[in-house]
C-alpha atoms as a PDB file:
ATOM      1  CA  MET A   1     128.497 105.701  84.885  1.00  0.00           C
ATOM      2  CA  ARG A   2     128.184 108.382  82.247  1.00  0.00           C
ATOM      3  CA  THR A   3     125.226 108.740  79.909  1.00  0.00           C
ATOM      4  CA  LEU A   4     126.227 109.182  76.281  1.00  0.00           C
ATOM      5  CA  LYS A   5     124.289 110.308  73.241  1.00  0.00           C
ATOM      6  CA  TRP A   6     123.440 107.384  70.974  1.00  0.00           C
ATOM      7  CA  ASP A   7     125.312 107.353  67.699  1.00  0.00           C
ATOM      8  CA  PRO A   8     125.221 104.623  65.034  1.00  0.00           C
ATOM      9  CA  MET A   9     128.998 105.037  64.654  1.00  0.00           C
ATOM     10  CA  PHE A  10     129.615 104.561  68.402  1.00  0.00           C
ATOM     11  CA  ASN A  11     133.079 103.298  69.210  1.00  0.00           C
ATOM     12  CA  PRO A  12     133.707 102.376  72.875  1.00  0.00           C
ATOM     13  CA  GLU A  13     137.432 103.011  72.371  1.00  0.00           C
ATOM     14  CA  GLU A  14     136.896 106.706  71.551  1.00  0.00           C
ATOM     15  CA  GLU A  15     136.160 109.400  74.115  1.00  0.00           C
ATOM     16  CA  THR A  16     133.220 111.638  73.292  1.00  0.00           C
ATOM     17  CA  THR A  17     133.452 115.430  73.382  1.00  0.00           C
ATOM     18  CA  THR A  18     129.742 116.082  74.021  1.00  0.00           C
ATOM     19  CA  THR A  19     127.887 115.932  77.306  1.00  0.00           C
ATOM     20  CA  ILE A  20     124.654 117.052  78.894  1.00  0.00           C
ATOM     21  CA  ALA A  21     124.687 119.992  81.308  1.00  0.00           C
ATOM     22  CA  TRP A  22     122.134 121.980  83.252  1.00  0.00           C
ATOM     23  CA  ILE A  23     122.684 125.701  82.911  1.00  0.00           C
ATOM     24  CA  SER A  24     120.967 128.412  84.878  1.00  0.00           C
ATOM     25  CA  PHE A  25     120.350 132.088  84.271  1.00  0.00           C
ATOM     26  CA  PRO A  26     120.250 133.757  87.703  1.00  0.00           C
ATOM     27  CA  ALA A  27     118.438 137.105  87.993  1.00  0.00           C
ATOM     28  CA  LEU A  28     116.775 136.706  84.592  1.00  0.00           C
ATOM     29  CA  PRO A  29     113.909 139.198  84.222  1.00  0.00           C
ATOM     30  CA  PRO A  30     110.485 137.481  84.569  1.00  0.00           C
ATOM     31  CA  ASN A  31     109.409 138.429  81.042  1.00  0.00           C
ATOM     32  CA  PHE A  32     112.262 136.224  79.702  1.00  0.00           C
ATOM     33  CA  PHE A  33     110.950 132.997  81.291  1.00  0.00           C
ATOM     34  CA  GLY A  34     109.008 131.871  78.200  1.00  0.00           C
ATOM     35  CA  ARG A  35     110.080 128.574  76.645  1.00  0.00           C
ATOM     36  CA  GLU A  36     111.149 130.118  73.320  1.00  0.00           C
ATOM     37  CA  VAL A  37     113.166 132.848  75.045  1.00  0.00           C
ATOM     38  CA  VAL A  38     115.006 130.458  77.371  1.00  0.00           C
ATOM     39  CA  PHE A  39     115.689 128.126  74.404  1.00  0.00           C
ATOM     40  CA  SER A  40     117.213 130.994  72.397  1.00  0.00           C
ATOM     41  CA  LEU A  41     119.356 132.084  75.373  1.00  0.00           C
ATOM     42  CA  ALA A  42     120.577 128.499  75.883  1.00  0.00           C
ATOM     43  CA  ALA A  43     121.474 128.207  72.183  1.00  0.00           C
ATOM     44  CA  ALA A  44     124.426 130.516  72.924  1.00  0.00           C
ATOM     45  CA  VAL A  45     125.900 127.631  74.970  1.00  0.00           C
ATOM     46  CA  GLY A  46     124.878 124.505  73.042  1.00  0.00           C
ATOM     47  CA  LYS A  47     121.881 122.578  71.766  1.00  0.00           C
ATOM     48  CA  PRO A  48     118.885 123.286  74.059  1.00  0.00           C
ATOM     49  CA  LEU A  49     117.078 120.109  75.138  1.00  0.00           C
ATOM     50  CA  GLN A  50     114.667 120.768  77.996  1.00  0.00           C
ATOM     51  CA  VAL A  51     113.457 123.480  80.351  1.00  0.00           C
ATOM     52  CA  ASP A  52     113.191 122.382  83.991  1.00  0.00           C
ATOM     53  CA  MET A  53     109.768 122.101  85.635  1.00  0.00           C
ATOM     54  CA  ALA A  54     110.163 125.158  87.897  1.00  0.00           C
ATOM     55  CA  THR A  55     111.091 127.342  84.920  1.00  0.00           C
ATOM     56  CA  ARG A  56     108.206 125.980  82.850  1.00  0.00           C
ATOM     57  CA  ASN A  57     105.722 126.642  85.665  1.00  0.00           C
ATOM     58  CA  GLN A  58     107.466 129.902  86.668  1.00  0.00           C
ATOM     59  CA  THR A  59     107.555 128.834  90.329  1.00  0.00           C
ATOM     60  CA  ARG A  60     111.219 129.809  90.901  1.00  0.00           C
ATOM     61  CA  PRO A  61     111.540 133.495  89.984  1.00  0.00           C
ATOM     62  CA  SER A  62     115.202 133.649  91.072  1.00  0.00           C
ATOM     63  CA  CYS A  63     116.575 131.870  87.974  1.00  0.00           C
ATOM     64  CA  ALA A  64     115.693 129.903  84.849  1.00  0.00           C
ATOM     65  CA  ARG A  65     117.259 126.441  84.253  1.00  0.00           C
ATOM     66  CA  MET A  66     117.760 124.570  81.004  1.00  0.00           C
ATOM     67  CA  LYS A  67     119.254 121.212  79.972  1.00  0.00           C
ATOM     68  CA  VAL A  68     121.731 121.662  77.122  1.00  0.00           C
ATOM     69  CA  GLU A  69     123.943 119.393  75.039  1.00  0.00           C
ATOM     70  CA  VAL A  70     127.395 120.975  75.017  1.00  0.00           C
ATOM     71  CA  ASP A  71     130.631 120.314  73.178  1.00  0.00           C
ATOM     72  CA  LEU A  72     133.412 120.119  75.756  1.00  0.00           C
ATOM     73  CA  LEU A  73     135.912 121.464  73.239  1.00  0.00           C
ATOM     74  CA  GLY A  74     133.791 124.555  72.541  1.00  0.00           C
ATOM     75  CA  GLU A  75     133.483 127.913  74.254  1.00  0.00           C
ATOM     76  CA  PHE A  76     131.661 128.287  77.592  1.00  0.00           C
ATOM     77  CA  PRO A  77     130.410 131.854  77.829  1.00  0.00           C
ATOM     78  CA  LYS A  78     130.088 133.197  81.373  1.00  0.00           C
ATOM     79  CA  ARG A  79     127.437 135.715  80.332  1.00  0.00           C
ATOM     80  CA  ILE A  80     125.399 136.811  77.325  1.00  0.00           C
ATOM     81  CA  LYS A  81     123.980 140.166  76.334  1.00  0.00           C
ATOM     82  CA  ILE A  82     120.211 140.606  75.951  1.00  0.00           C
ATOM     83  CA  GLY A  83     118.305 143.622  74.712  1.00  0.00           C
ATOM     84  CA  MET A  84     115.031 144.894  76.119  1.00  0.00           C
ATOM     85  CA  LYS A  85     112.966 147.472  74.261  1.00  0.00           C
ATOM     86  CA  LYS A  86     111.355 150.164  76.419  1.00  0.00           C
ATOM     87  CA  ALA A  87     107.982 151.751  75.625  1.00  0.00           C
ATOM     88  CA  SER A  88     109.852 154.799  74.305  1.00  0.00           C
ATOM     89  CA  GLY A  89     111.526 152.600  71.665  1.00  0.00           C
ATOM     90  CA  GLU A  90     114.916 152.802  73.341  1.00  0.00           C
ATOM     91  CA  VAL A  91     116.774 149.477  73.605  1.00  0.00           C
ATOM     92  CA  MET A  92     118.302 148.745  76.994  1.00  0.00           C
ATOM     93  CA  GLU A  93     121.048 146.122  76.980  1.00  0.00           C
ATOM     94  CA  LYS A  94     121.734 143.892  79.952  1.00  0.00           C
ATOM     95  CA  TRP A  95     124.274 141.119  80.631  1.00  0.00           C
ATOM     96  CA  VAL A  96     122.862 137.823  81.921  1.00  0.00           C
ATOM     97  CA  GLN A  97     125.157 135.499  83.858  1.00  0.00           C
ATOM     98  CA  ILE A  98     125.294 131.771  83.013  1.00  0.00           C
ATOM     99  CA  LYS A  99     126.060 129.082  85.605  1.00  0.00           C
ATOM    100  CA  TYR A 100     126.936 125.503  84.620  1.00  0.00           C
ATOM    101  CA  ASP A 101     125.964 122.277  86.436  1.00  0.00           C
ATOM    102  CA  TYR A 102     127.167 119.126  84.697  1.00  0.00           C
ATOM    103  CA  VAL A 103     125.103 115.942  84.850  1.00  0.00           C
END
């Protein structure tokens, strides 16, 4: 059984191109675990829906997880670039890996 997004124009004869996926950001710096930050990172993949409980409570420092609605015909980035500003004003850029787990 596959869970589908409700649509008033639903046609059981057509295959949908959207699905729900859990994505994770392994080795994400702890200061990026805020809800707004994880939502903006997940927006690079699809429509952010929900942060998992361990990320919300910051009890799993190894990675942040997020439920996202993705278009299967779209791009699936393997990593995204984030910028961190140092106290000196210098911006340090870092690549963050993305892992996908489909529901």
